[in-house]
ModelCIF file with pLDDT and N, C-alpha, C, O atoms, coordinates in Angstrom:
data_MODEL
#
_entry.id   MODEL 
#
_entity.id                         1 
_entity.type                       polymer 
_entity.pdbx_number_of_molecules   1 
#
_entity_poly.entity_id                      1 
_entity_poly.type                           'polypeptide(L)' 
_entity_poly.nstd_linkage                   no 
_entity_poly.nstd_monomer                   no 
_entity_poly.pdbx_seq_one_letter_code       TVRAKEEAEAEKLKKDALLLQEAGCFAIVLEKIPATLAKEVSESLTI 
_entity_poly.pdbx_seq_one_letter_code_can   TVRAKEEAEAEKLKKDALLLQEAGCFAIVLEKIPATLAKEVSESLTI 
_entity_poly.pdbx_strand_id                 A 
#
loop_
_entity_poly_seq.entity_id 
_entity_poly_seq.num 
_entity_poly_seq.mon_id 
_entity_poly_seq.hetero 
1 1  THR n 
1 2  VAL n 
1 3  ARG n 
1 4  ALA n 
1 5  LYS n 
1 6  GLU n 
1 7  GLU n 
1 8  ALA n 
1 9  GLU n 
1 10 ALA n 
1 11 GLU n 
1 12 LYS n 
1 13 LEU n 
1 14 LYS n 
1 15 LYS n 
1 16 ASP n 
1 17 ALA n 
1 18 LEU n 
1 19 LEU n 
1 20 LEU n 
1 21 GLN n 
1 22 GLU n 
1 23 ALA n 
1 24 GLY n 
1 25 CYS n 
1 26 PHE n 
1 27 ALA n 
1 28 ILE n 
1 29 VAL n 
1 30 LEU n 
1 31 GLU n 
1 32 LYS n 
1 33 ILE n 
1 34 PRO n 
1 35 ALA n 
1 36 THR n 
1 37 LEU n 
1 38 ALA n 
1 39 LYS n 
1 40 GLU n 
1 41 VAL n 
1 42 SER n 
1 43 GLU n 
1 44 SER n 
1 45 LEU n 
1 46 THR n 
1 47 ILE n 
#
_struct_asym.id          A 
_struct_asym.entity_id   1 
#
loop_
_ma_qa_metric.id 
_ma_qa_metric.mode 
_ma_qa_metric.name 
_ma_qa_metric.software_group_id 
_ma_qa_metric.type 
1 global pLDDT . pLDDT 
2 local  pLDDT . pLDDT 
#
_ma_qa_metric_global.metric_id      1 
_ma_qa_metric_global.metric_value   96.15 
_ma_qa_metric_global.model_id       1 
_ma_qa_metric_global.ordinal_id     1 
#
loop_
_ma_qa_metric_local.label_asym_id 
_ma_qa_metric_local.label_comp_id 
_ma_qa_metric_local.label_seq_id 
_ma_qa_metric_local.metric_id 
_ma_qa_metric_local.metric_value 
_ma_qa_metric_local.model_id 
_ma_qa_metric_local.ordinal_id 
A THR 1  2 84.00 1 1  
A VAL 2  2 87.00 1 2  
A ARG 3  2 90.00 1 3  
A ALA 4  2 86.00 1 4  
A LYS 5  2 87.00 1 5  
A GLU 6  2 92.00 1 6  
A GLU 7  2 91.00 1 7  
A ALA 8  2 94.00 1 8  
A GLU 9  2 94.00 1 9  
A ALA 10 2 96.00 1 10 
A GLU 11 2 97.00 1 11 
A LYS 12 2 97.00 1 12 
A LEU 13 2 97.00 1 13 
A LYS 14 2 98.00 1 14 
A LYS 15 2 98.00 1 15 
A ASP 16 2 98.00 1 16 
A ALA 17 2 98.00 1 17 
A LEU 18 2 98.00 1 18 
A LEU 19 2 98.00 1 19 
A LEU 20 2 98.00 1 20 
A GLN 21 2 98.00 1 21 
A GLU 22 2 98.00 1 22 
A ALA 23 2 98.00 1 23 
A GLY 24 2 98.00 1 24 
A CYS 25 2 98.00 1 25 
A PHE 26 2 98.00 1 26 
A ALA 27 2 98.00 1 27 
A ILE 28 2 98.00 1 28 
A VAL 29 2 98.00 1 29 
A LEU 30 2 98.00 1 30 
A GLU 31 2 97.00 1 31 
A LYS 32 2 96.00 1 32 
A ILE 33 2 97.00 1 33 
A PRO 34 2 97.00 1 34 
A ALA 35 2 98.00 1 35 
A THR 36 2 98.00 1 36 
A LEU 37 2 98.00 1 37 
A ALA 38 2 98.00 1 38 
A LYS 39 2 98.00 1 39 
A GLU 40 2 98.00 1 40 
A VAL 41 2 98.00 1 41 
A SER 42 2 98.00 1 42 
A GLU 43 2 98.00 1 43 
A SER 44 2 98.00 1 44 
A LEU 45 2 98.00 1 45 
A THR 46 2 98.00 1 46 
A ILE 47 2 98.00 1 47 
#
loop_
_atom_site.group_PDB 
_atom_site.id 
_atom_site.type_symbol 
_atom_site.label_atom_id 
_atom_site.label_alt_id 
_atom_site.label_comp_id 
_atom_site.label_asym_id 
_atom_site.label_entity_id 
_atom_site.label_seq_id 
_atom_site.pdbx_PDB_ins_code 
_atom_site.Cartn_x 
_atom_site.Cartn_y 
_atom_site.Cartn_z 
_atom_site.occupancy 
_atom_site.B_iso_or_equiv 
_atom_site.pdbx_formal_charge 
_atom_site.auth_seq_id 
_atom_site.auth_comp_id 
_atom_site.auth_asym_id 
_atom_site.auth_atom_id 
_atom_site.pdbx_PDB_model_num 
ATOM 1   N N  . THR A 1 1  ? -6.487 16.510 -4.275  1.00 84.00 ? 1  THR A N  1 
ATOM 2   C CA . THR A 1 1  ? -6.144 15.940 -2.995  1.00 84.00 ? 1  THR A CA 1 
ATOM 3   C C  . THR A 1 1  ? -4.802 15.377 -2.888  1.00 84.00 ? 1  THR A C  1 
ATOM 4   O O  . THR A 1 1  ? -4.103 15.324 -3.900  1.00 84.00 ? 1  THR A O  1 
ATOM 5   N N  . VAL A 1 2  ? -4.376 14.956 -1.776  1.00 87.00 ? 2  VAL A N  1 
ATOM 6   C CA . VAL A 1 2  ? -3.079 14.358 -1.317  1.00 87.00 ? 2  VAL A CA 1 
ATOM 7   C C  . VAL A 1 2  ? -3.132 13.127 -2.050  1.00 87.00 ? 2  VAL A C  1 
ATOM 8   O O  . VAL A 1 2  ? -4.160 12.449 -2.078  1.00 87.00 ? 2  VAL A O  1 
ATOM 9   N N  . ARG A 1 3  ? -2.006 12.781 -2.684  1.00 90.00 ? 3  ARG A N  1 
ATOM 10  C CA . ARG A 1 3  ? -1.846 11.357 -3.483  1.00 90.00 ? 3  ARG A CA 1 
ATOM 11  C C  . ARG A 1 3  ? -0.934 10.419 -2.504  1.00 90.00 ? 3  ARG A C  1 
ATOM 12  O O  . ARG A 1 3  ? -0.185 10.753 -1.586  1.00 90.00 ? 3  ARG A O  1 
ATOM 13  N N  . ALA A 1 4  ? -1.230 9.251  -2.970  1.00 86.00 ? 4  ALA A N  1 
ATOM 14  C CA . ALA A 1 4  ? -0.303 8.096  -2.308  1.00 86.00 ? 4  ALA A CA 1 
ATOM 15  C C  . ALA A 1 4  ? -0.544 7.944  -0.872  1.00 86.00 ? 4  ALA A C  1 
ATOM 16  O O  . ALA A 1 4  ? 0.374  7.759  -0.073  1.00 86.00 ? 4  ALA A O  1 
ATOM 17  N N  . LYS A 1 5  ? -1.959 8.031  -0.494  1.00 87.00 ? 5  LYS A N  1 
ATOM 18  C CA . LYS A 1 5  ? -2.006 7.816  0.896   1.00 87.00 ? 5  LYS A CA 1 
ATOM 19  C C  . LYS A 1 5  ? -2.249 6.289  1.210   1.00 87.00 ? 5  LYS A C  1 
ATOM 20  O O  . LYS A 1 5  ? -2.021 5.755  2.296   1.00 87.00 ? 5  LYS A O  1 
ATOM 21  N N  . GLU A 1 6  ? -2.784 5.635  0.007   1.00 92.00 ? 6  GLU A N  1 
ATOM 22  C CA . GLU A 1 6  ? -3.061 4.408  0.049   1.00 92.00 ? 6  GLU A CA 1 
ATOM 23  C C  . GLU A 1 6  ? -1.731 3.404  -0.285  1.00 92.00 ? 6  GLU A C  1 
ATOM 24  O O  . GLU A 1 6  ? -0.856 3.745  -1.081  1.00 92.00 ? 6  GLU A O  1 
ATOM 25  N N  . GLU A 1 7  ? -1.718 2.293  0.345   1.00 91.00 ? 7  GLU A N  1 
ATOM 26  C CA . GLU A 1 7  ? -0.416 1.545  0.283   1.00 91.00 ? 7  GLU A CA 1 
ATOM 27  C C  . GLU A 1 7  ? -0.167 1.154  -1.277  1.00 91.00 ? 7  GLU A C  1 
ATOM 28  O O  . GLU A 1 7  ? 0.984  1.265  -1.702  1.00 91.00 ? 7  GLU A O  1 
ATOM 29  N N  . ALA A 1 8  ? -1.038 0.771  -2.015  1.00 94.00 ? 8  ALA A N  1 
ATOM 30  C CA . ALA A 1 8  ? -0.790 0.475  -3.471  1.00 94.00 ? 8  ALA A CA 1 
ATOM 31  C C  . ALA A 1 8  ? -0.180 1.664  -4.235  1.00 94.00 ? 8  ALA A C  1 
ATOM 32  O O  . ALA A 1 8  ? 0.796  1.483  -4.963  1.00 94.00 ? 8  ALA A O  1 
ATOM 33  N N  . GLU A 1 9  ? -0.755 2.906  -4.077  1.00 94.00 ? 9  GLU A N  1 
ATOM 34  C CA . GLU A 1 9  ? -0.300 3.969  -4.661  1.00 94.00 ? 9  GLU A CA 1 
ATOM 35  C C  . GLU A 1 9  ? 1.129  4.389  -4.164  1.00 94.00 ? 9  GLU A C  1 
ATOM 36  O O  . GLU A 1 9  ? 1.976  4.768  -4.973  1.00 94.00 ? 9  GLU A O  1 
ATOM 37  N N  . ALA A 1 10 ? 1.372  4.317  -2.860  1.00 96.00 ? 10 ALA A N  1 
ATOM 38  C CA . ALA A 1 10 ? 2.461  4.649  -2.331  1.00 96.00 ? 10 ALA A CA 1 
ATOM 39  C C  . ALA A 1 10 ? 3.678  3.745  -2.892  1.00 96.00 ? 10 ALA A C  1 
ATOM 40  O O  . ALA A 1 10 ? 4.734  4.230  -3.300  1.00 96.00 ? 10 ALA A O  1 
ATOM 41  N N  . GLU A 1 11 ? 3.401  2.443  -2.859  1.00 97.00 ? 11 GLU A N  1 
ATOM 42  C CA . GLU A 1 11 ? 4.368  1.444  -3.429  1.00 97.00 ? 11 GLU A CA 1 
ATOM 43  C C  . GLU A 1 11 ? 4.679  1.810  -4.888  1.00 97.00 ? 11 GLU A C  1 
ATOM 44  O O  . GLU A 1 11 ? 5.827  1.695  -5.317  1.00 97.00 ? 11 GLU A O  1 
ATOM 45  N N  . LYS A 1 12 ? 3.703  2.236  -5.629  1.00 97.00 ? 12 LYS A N  1 
ATOM 46  C CA . LYS A 1 12 ? 4.075  2.308  -7.049  1.00 97.00 ? 12 LYS A CA 1 
ATOM 47  C C  . LYS A 1 12 ? 4.784  3.745  -7.126  1.00 97.00 ? 12 LYS A C  1 
ATOM 48  O O  . LYS A 1 12 ? 5.574  3.927  -8.053  1.00 97.00 ? 12 LYS A O  1 
ATOM 49  N N  . LEU A 1 13 ? 4.562  4.707  -6.265  1.00 97.00 ? 13 LEU A N  1 
ATOM 50  C CA . LEU A 1 13 ? 5.370  5.925  -6.209  1.00 97.00 ? 13 LEU A CA 1 
ATOM 51  C C  . LEU A 1 13 ? 6.828  5.597  -5.964  1.00 97.00 ? 13 LEU A C  1 
ATOM 52  O O  . LEU A 1 13 ? 7.730  6.069  -6.656  1.00 97.00 ? 13 LEU A O  1 
ATOM 53  N N  . LYS A 1 14 ? 7.014  4.792  -4.978  1.00 98.00 ? 14 LYS A N  1 
ATOM 54  C CA . LYS A 1 14 ? 8.503  4.439  -4.527  1.00 98.00 ? 14 LYS A CA 1 
ATOM 55  C C  . LYS A 1 14 ? 9.134  3.800  -5.712  1.00 98.00 ? 14 LYS A C  1 
ATOM 56  O O  . LYS A 1 14 ? 10.260 4.140  -6.073  1.00 98.00 ? 14 LYS A O  1 
ATOM 57  N N  . LYS A 1 15 ? 8.391  2.811  -6.379  1.00 98.00 ? 15 LYS A N  1 
ATOM 58  C CA . LYS A 1 15 ? 9.018  2.127  -7.423  1.00 98.00 ? 15 LYS A CA 1 
ATOM 59  C C  . LYS A 1 15 ? 9.351  3.048  -8.638  1.00 98.00 ? 15 LYS A C  1 
ATOM 60  O O  . LYS A 1 15 ? 10.388 2.927  -9.291  1.00 98.00 ? 15 LYS A O  1 
ATOM 61  N N  . ASP A 1 16 ? 8.428  3.938  -8.876  1.00 98.00 ? 16 ASP A N  1 
ATOM 62  C CA . ASP A 1 16 ? 8.714  4.874  -9.959  1.00 98.00 ? 16 ASP A CA 1 
ATOM 63  C C  . ASP A 1 16 ? 9.835  5.826  -9.717  1.00 98.00 ? 16 ASP A C  1 
ATOM 64  O O  . ASP A 1 16 ? 10.612 6.123  -10.625 1.00 98.00 ? 16 ASP A O  1 
ATOM 65  N N  . ALA A 1 17 ? 9.939  6.332  -8.457  1.00 98.00 ? 17 ALA A N  1 
ATOM 66  C CA . ALA A 1 17 ? 11.120 7.135  -8.073  1.00 98.00 ? 17 ALA A CA 1 
ATOM 67  C C  . ALA A 1 17 ? 12.507 6.498  -8.433  1.00 98.00 ? 17 ALA A C  1 
ATOM 68  O O  . ALA A 1 17 ? 13.394 7.105  -9.032  1.00 98.00 ? 17 ALA A O  1 
ATOM 69  N N  . LEU A 1 18 ? 12.585 5.249  -8.013  1.00 98.00 ? 18 LEU A N  1 
ATOM 70  C CA . LEU A 1 18 ? 13.780 4.606  -8.321  1.00 98.00 ? 18 LEU A CA 1 
ATOM 71  C C  . LEU A 1 18 ? 13.921 4.266  -9.776  1.00 98.00 ? 18 LEU A C  1 
ATOM 72  O O  . LEU A 1 18 ? 15.057 4.130  -10.231 1.00 98.00 ? 18 LEU A O  1 
ATOM 73  N N  . LEU A 1 19 ? 12.900 4.120  -10.526 1.00 98.00 ? 19 LEU A N  1 
ATOM 74  C CA . LEU A 1 19 ? 12.903 3.958  -11.947 1.00 98.00 ? 19 LEU A CA 1 
ATOM 75  C C  . LEU A 1 19 ? 13.258 5.012  -12.676 1.00 98.00 ? 19 LEU A C  1 
ATOM 76  O O  . LEU A 1 19 ? 13.944 4.822  -13.680 1.00 98.00 ? 19 LEU A O  1 
ATOM 77  N N  . LEU A 1 20 ? 12.845 6.352  -12.298 1.00 98.00 ? 20 LEU A N  1 
ATOM 78  C CA . LEU A 1 20 ? 13.254 7.653  -12.932 1.00 98.00 ? 20 LEU A CA 1 
ATOM 79  C C  . LEU A 1 20 ? 14.593 8.023  -12.637 1.00 98.00 ? 20 LEU A C  1 
ATOM 80  O O  . LEU A 1 20 ? 15.210 8.760  -13.406 1.00 98.00 ? 20 LEU A O  1 
ATOM 81  N N  . GLN A 1 21 ? 15.204 7.487  -11.373 1.00 98.00 ? 21 GLN A N  1 
ATOM 82  C CA . GLN A 1 21 ? 16.631 7.731  -11.016 1.00 98.00 ? 21 GLN A CA 1 
ATOM 83  C C  . GLN A 1 21 ? 17.444 6.865  -12.091 1.00 98.00 ? 21 GLN A C  1 
ATOM 84  O O  . GLN A 1 21 ? 18.408 7.282  -12.734 1.00 98.00 ? 21 GLN A O  1 
ATOM 85  N N  . GLU A 1 22 ? 16.894 5.605  -12.169 1.00 98.00 ? 22 GLU A N  1 
ATOM 86  C CA . GLU A 1 22 ? 17.813 4.816  -13.081 1.00 98.00 ? 22 GLU A CA 1 
ATOM 87  C C  . GLU A 1 22 ? 17.575 5.102  -14.438 1.00 98.00 ? 22 GLU A C  1 
ATOM 88  O O  . GLU A 1 22 ? 18.414 4.614  -15.195 1.00 98.00 ? 22 GLU A O  1 
ATOM 89  N N  . ALA A 1 23 ? 16.553 5.838  -15.034 1.00 98.00 ? 23 ALA A N  1 
ATOM 90  C CA . ALA A 1 23 ? 16.414 6.483  -16.263 1.00 98.00 ? 23 ALA A CA 1 
ATOM 91  C C  . ALA A 1 23 ? 17.205 7.684  -16.579 1.00 98.00 ? 23 ALA A C  1 
ATOM 92  O O  . ALA A 1 23 ? 17.322 8.123  -17.723 1.00 98.00 ? 23 ALA A O  1 
ATOM 93  N N  . GLY A 1 24 ? 17.766 8.222  -15.492 1.00 98.00 ? 24 GLY A N  1 
ATOM 94  C CA . GLY A 1 24 ? 18.682 9.332  -15.602 1.00 98.00 ? 24 GLY A CA 1 
ATOM 95  C C  . GLY A 1 24 ? 18.207 10.627 -15.103 1.00 98.00 ? 24 GLY A C  1 
ATOM 96  O O  . GLY A 1 24 ? 18.958 11.585 -15.287 1.00 98.00 ? 24 GLY A O  1 
ATOM 97  N N  . CYS A 1 25 ? 17.076 10.824 -14.497 1.00 98.00 ? 25 CYS A N  1 
ATOM 98  C CA . CYS A 1 25 ? 16.564 11.985 -13.812 1.00 98.00 ? 25 CYS A CA 1 
ATOM 99  C C  . CYS A 1 25 ? 17.661 12.565 -12.838 1.00 98.00 ? 25 CYS A C  1 
ATOM 100 O O  . CYS A 1 25 ? 18.221 11.836 -12.020 1.00 98.00 ? 25 CYS A O  1 
ATOM 101 N N  . PHE A 1 26 ? 17.933 13.859 -12.958 1.00 98.00 ? 26 PHE A N  1 
ATOM 102 C CA . PHE A 1 26 ? 18.910 14.555 -11.914 1.00 98.00 ? 26 PHE A CA 1 
ATOM 103 C C  . PHE A 1 26 ? 18.118 15.012 -10.677 1.00 98.00 ? 26 PHE A C  1 
ATOM 104 O O  . PHE A 1 26 ? 18.758 15.431 -9.713  1.00 98.00 ? 26 PHE A O  1 
ATOM 105 N N  . ALA A 1 27 ? 16.883 14.970 -10.632 1.00 98.00 ? 27 ALA A N  1 
ATOM 106 C CA . ALA A 1 27 ? 16.038 15.288 -9.449  1.00 98.00 ? 27 ALA A CA 1 
ATOM 107 C C  . ALA A 1 27 ? 14.626 14.976 -9.770  1.00 98.00 ? 27 ALA A C  1 
ATOM 108 O O  . ALA A 1 27 ? 14.233 14.776 -10.919 1.00 98.00 ? 27 ALA A O  1 
ATOM 109 N N  . ILE A 1 28 ? 13.835 14.939 -8.654  1.00 98.00 ? 28 ILE A N  1 
ATOM 110 C CA . ILE A 1 28 ? 12.521 14.462 -8.808  1.00 98.00 ? 28 ILE A CA 1 
ATOM 111 C C  . ILE A 1 28 ? 11.762 15.463 -7.792  1.00 98.00 ? 28 ILE A C  1 
ATOM 112 O O  . ILE A 1 28 ? 12.091 15.675 -6.624  1.00 98.00 ? 28 ILE A O  1 
ATOM 113 N N  . VAL A 1 29 ? 10.594 16.074 -8.544  1.00 98.00 ? 29 VAL A N  1 
ATOM 114 C CA . VAL A 1 29 ? 9.706  16.877 -7.570  1.00 98.00 ? 29 VAL A CA 1 
ATOM 115 C C  . VAL A 1 29 ? 8.670  15.775 -7.084  1.00 98.00 ? 29 VAL A C  1 
ATOM 116 O O  . VAL A 1 29 ? 8.245  14.864 -7.794  1.00 98.00 ? 29 VAL A O  1 
ATOM 117 N N  . LEU A 1 30 ? 8.308  16.026 -5.654  1.00 98.00 ? 30 LEU A N  1 
ATOM 118 C CA . LEU A 1 30 ? 7.307  15.201 -5.091  1.00 98.00 ? 30 LEU A CA 1 
ATOM 119 C C  . LEU A 1 30 ? 6.273  16.127 -4.594  1.00 98.00 ? 30 LEU A C  1 
ATOM 120 O O  . LEU A 1 30 ? 6.477  16.940 -3.692  1.00 98.00 ? 30 LEU A O  1 
ATOM 121 N N  . GLU A 1 31 ? 5.011  15.954 -5.300  1.00 97.00 ? 31 GLU A N  1 
ATOM 122 C CA . GLU A 1 31 ? 3.999  17.000 -5.046  1.00 97.00 ? 31 GLU A CA 1 
ATOM 123 C C  . GLU A 1 31 ? 2.872  16.260 -4.128  1.00 97.00 ? 31 GLU A C  1 
ATOM 124 O O  . GLU A 1 31 ? 2.446  15.132 -4.376  1.00 97.00 ? 31 GLU A O  1 
ATOM 125 N N  . LYS A 1 32 ? 2.474  17.031 -3.081  1.00 96.00 ? 32 LYS A N  1 
ATOM 126 C CA . LYS A 1 32 ? 1.409  16.719 -2.280  1.00 96.00 ? 32 LYS A CA 1 
ATOM 127 C C  . LYS A 1 32 ? 1.163  15.260 -1.997  1.00 96.00 ? 32 LYS A C  1 
ATOM 128 O O  . LYS A 1 32 ? 0.148  14.680 -2.383  1.00 96.00 ? 32 LYS A O  1 
ATOM 129 N N  . ILE A 1 33 ? 2.222  14.633 -1.244  1.00 97.00 ? 33 ILE A N  1 
ATOM 130 C CA . ILE A 1 33 ? 2.149  13.339 -0.763  1.00 97.00 ? 33 ILE A CA 1 
ATOM 131 C C  . ILE A 1 33 ? 2.461  13.276 0.820   1.00 97.00 ? 33 ILE A C  1 
ATOM 132 O O  . ILE A 1 33 ? 2.940  14.269 1.367   1.00 97.00 ? 33 ILE A O  1 
ATOM 133 N N  . PRO A 1 34 ? 2.219  12.246 1.461   1.00 97.00 ? 34 PRO A N  1 
ATOM 134 C CA . PRO A 1 34 ? 2.527  12.220 2.869   1.00 97.00 ? 34 PRO A CA 1 
ATOM 135 C C  . PRO A 1 34 ? 3.977  12.533 3.297   1.00 97.00 ? 34 PRO A C  1 
ATOM 136 O O  . PRO A 1 34 ? 4.896  12.080 2.615   1.00 97.00 ? 34 PRO A O  1 
ATOM 137 N N  . ALA A 1 35 ? 4.199  13.183 4.244   1.00 98.00 ? 35 ALA A N  1 
ATOM 138 C CA . ALA A 1 35 ? 5.635  13.625 4.601   1.00 98.00 ? 35 ALA A CA 1 
ATOM 139 C C  . ALA A 1 35 ? 6.392  12.211 4.838   1.00 98.00 ? 35 ALA A C  1 
ATOM 140 O O  . ALA A 1 35 ? 7.548  12.091 4.434   1.00 98.00 ? 35 ALA A O  1 
ATOM 141 N N  . THR A 1 36 ? 5.770  11.196 5.462   1.00 98.00 ? 36 THR A N  1 
ATOM 142 C CA . THR A 1 36 ? 6.626  10.161 5.794   1.00 98.00 ? 36 THR A CA 1 
ATOM 143 C C  . THR A 1 36 ? 6.951  9.300  4.574   1.00 98.00 ? 36 THR A C  1 
ATOM 144 O O  . THR A 1 36 ? 7.989  8.639  4.596   1.00 98.00 ? 36 THR A O  1 
ATOM 145 N N  . LEU A 1 37 ? 6.125  9.257  3.489   1.00 98.00 ? 37 LEU A N  1 
ATOM 146 C CA . LEU A 1 37 ? 6.459  8.785  2.267   1.00 98.00 ? 37 LEU A CA 1 
ATOM 147 C C  . LEU A 1 37 ? 7.444  9.415  1.627   1.00 98.00 ? 37 LEU A C  1 
ATOM 148 O O  . LEU A 1 37 ? 8.324  8.733  1.100   1.00 98.00 ? 37 LEU A O  1 
ATOM 149 N N  . ALA A 1 38 ? 7.482  10.870 1.549   1.00 98.00 ? 38 ALA A N  1 
ATOM 150 C CA . ALA A 1 38 ? 8.403  11.790 0.953   1.00 98.00 ? 38 ALA A CA 1 
ATOM 151 C C  . ALA A 1 38 ? 9.886  11.463 1.596   1.00 98.00 ? 38 ALA A C  1 
ATOM 152 O O  . ALA A 1 38 ? 10.889 11.418 0.883   1.00 98.00 ? 38 ALA A O  1 
ATOM 153 N N  . LYS A 1 39 ? 9.914  11.267 2.847   1.00 98.00 ? 39 LYS A N  1 
ATOM 154 C CA . LYS A 1 39 ? 11.088 10.992 3.698   1.00 98.00 ? 39 LYS A CA 1 
ATOM 155 C C  . LYS A 1 39 ? 11.608 9.678  3.170   1.00 98.00 ? 39 LYS A C  1 
ATOM 156 O O  . LYS A 1 39 ? 12.793 9.576  2.852   1.00 98.00 ? 39 LYS A O  1 
ATOM 157 N N  . GLU A 1 40 ? 10.770 8.674  3.067   1.00 98.00 ? 40 GLU A N  1 
ATOM 158 C CA . GLU A 1 40 ? 11.405 7.230  2.668   1.00 98.00 ? 40 GLU A CA 1 
ATOM 159 C C  . GLU A 1 40 ? 11.884 7.447  1.240   1.00 98.00 ? 40 GLU A C  1 
ATOM 160 O O  . GLU A 1 40 ? 13.017 7.059  0.953   1.00 98.00 ? 40 GLU A O  1 
ATOM 161 N N  . VAL A 1 41 ? 11.156 8.009  0.358   1.00 98.00 ? 41 VAL A N  1 
ATOM 162 C CA . VAL A 1 41 ? 11.577 8.104  -1.051  1.00 98.00 ? 41 VAL A CA 1 
ATOM 163 C C  . VAL A 1 41 ? 12.911 9.031  -1.221  1.00 98.00 ? 41 VAL A C  1 
ATOM 164 O O  . VAL A 1 41 ? 13.805 8.752  -2.020  1.00 98.00 ? 41 VAL A O  1 
ATOM 165 N N  . SER A 1 42 ? 12.924 10.095 -0.418  1.00 98.00 ? 42 SER A N  1 
ATOM 166 C CA . SER A 1 42 ? 14.110 10.787 -0.448  1.00 98.00 ? 42 SER A CA 1 
ATOM 167 C C  . SER A 1 42 ? 15.448 10.049 0.075   1.00 98.00 ? 42 SER A C  1 
ATOM 168 O O  . SER A 1 42 ? 16.501 10.134 -0.558  1.00 98.00 ? 42 SER A O  1 
ATOM 169 N N  . GLU A 1 43 ? 15.350 9.439  1.077   1.00 98.00 ? 43 GLU A N  1 
ATOM 170 C CA . GLU A 1 43 ? 16.395 8.498  1.862   1.00 98.00 ? 43 GLU A CA 1 
ATOM 171 C C  . GLU A 1 43 ? 16.800 7.307  0.852   1.00 98.00 ? 43 GLU A C  1 
ATOM 172 O O  . GLU A 1 43 ? 17.872 6.705  0.914   1.00 98.00 ? 43 GLU A O  1 
ATOM 173 N N  . SER A 1 44 ? 15.760 7.056  -0.103  1.00 98.00 ? 44 SER A N  1 
ATOM 174 C CA . SER A 1 44 ? 16.191 5.822  -0.893  1.00 98.00 ? 44 SER A CA 1 
ATOM 175 C C  . SER A 1 44 ? 16.936 6.104  -2.173  1.00 98.00 ? 44 SER A C  1 
ATOM 176 O O  . SER A 1 44 ? 17.419 5.195  -2.848  1.00 98.00 ? 44 SER A O  1 
ATOM 177 N N  . LEU A 1 45 ? 17.029 7.504  -2.526  1.00 98.00 ? 45 LEU A N  1 
ATOM 178 C CA . LEU A 1 45 ? 17.527 8.032  -3.764  1.00 98.00 ? 45 LEU A CA 1 
ATOM 179 C C  . LEU A 1 45 ? 18.985 8.623  -3.573  1.00 98.00 ? 45 LEU A C  1 
ATOM 180 O O  . LEU A 1 45 ? 19.361 9.078  -2.493  1.00 98.00 ? 45 LEU A O  1 
ATOM 181 N N  . THR A 1 46 ? 19.698 8.583  -4.600  1.00 98.00 ? 46 THR A N  1 
ATOM 182 C CA . THR A 1 46 ? 21.041 9.294  -4.546  1.00 98.00 ? 46 THR A CA 1 
ATOM 183 C C  . THR A 1 46 ? 20.890 10.720 -5.360  1.00 98.00 ? 46 THR A C  1 
ATOM 184 O O  . THR A 1 46 ? 21.874 11.451 -5.465  1.00 98.00 ? 46 THR A O  1 
ATOM 185 N N  . ILE A 1 47 ? 19.689 11.067 -5.900  1.00 98.00 ? 47 ILE A N  1 
ATOM 186 C CA . ILE A 1 47 ? 19.392 12.194 -6.543  1.00 98.00 ? 47 ILE A CA 1 
ATOM 187 C C  . ILE A 1 47 ? 18.520 12.978 -5.445  1.00 98.00 ? 47 ILE A C  1 
ATOM 188 O O  . ILE A 1 47 ? 18.063 14.092 -5.700  1.00 98.00 ? 47 ILE A O  1 
#
């Protein structure tokens, strides 16, 4: 089922995305999450 619909999991995903960018990832796949969350994450990253 769709992930990160609840606030706690969504906040962790946002934090993880920034952490992966800091760790050196060149891109991140976002699978089956709310479109609004994906938009927020995409806009927060340089990758």
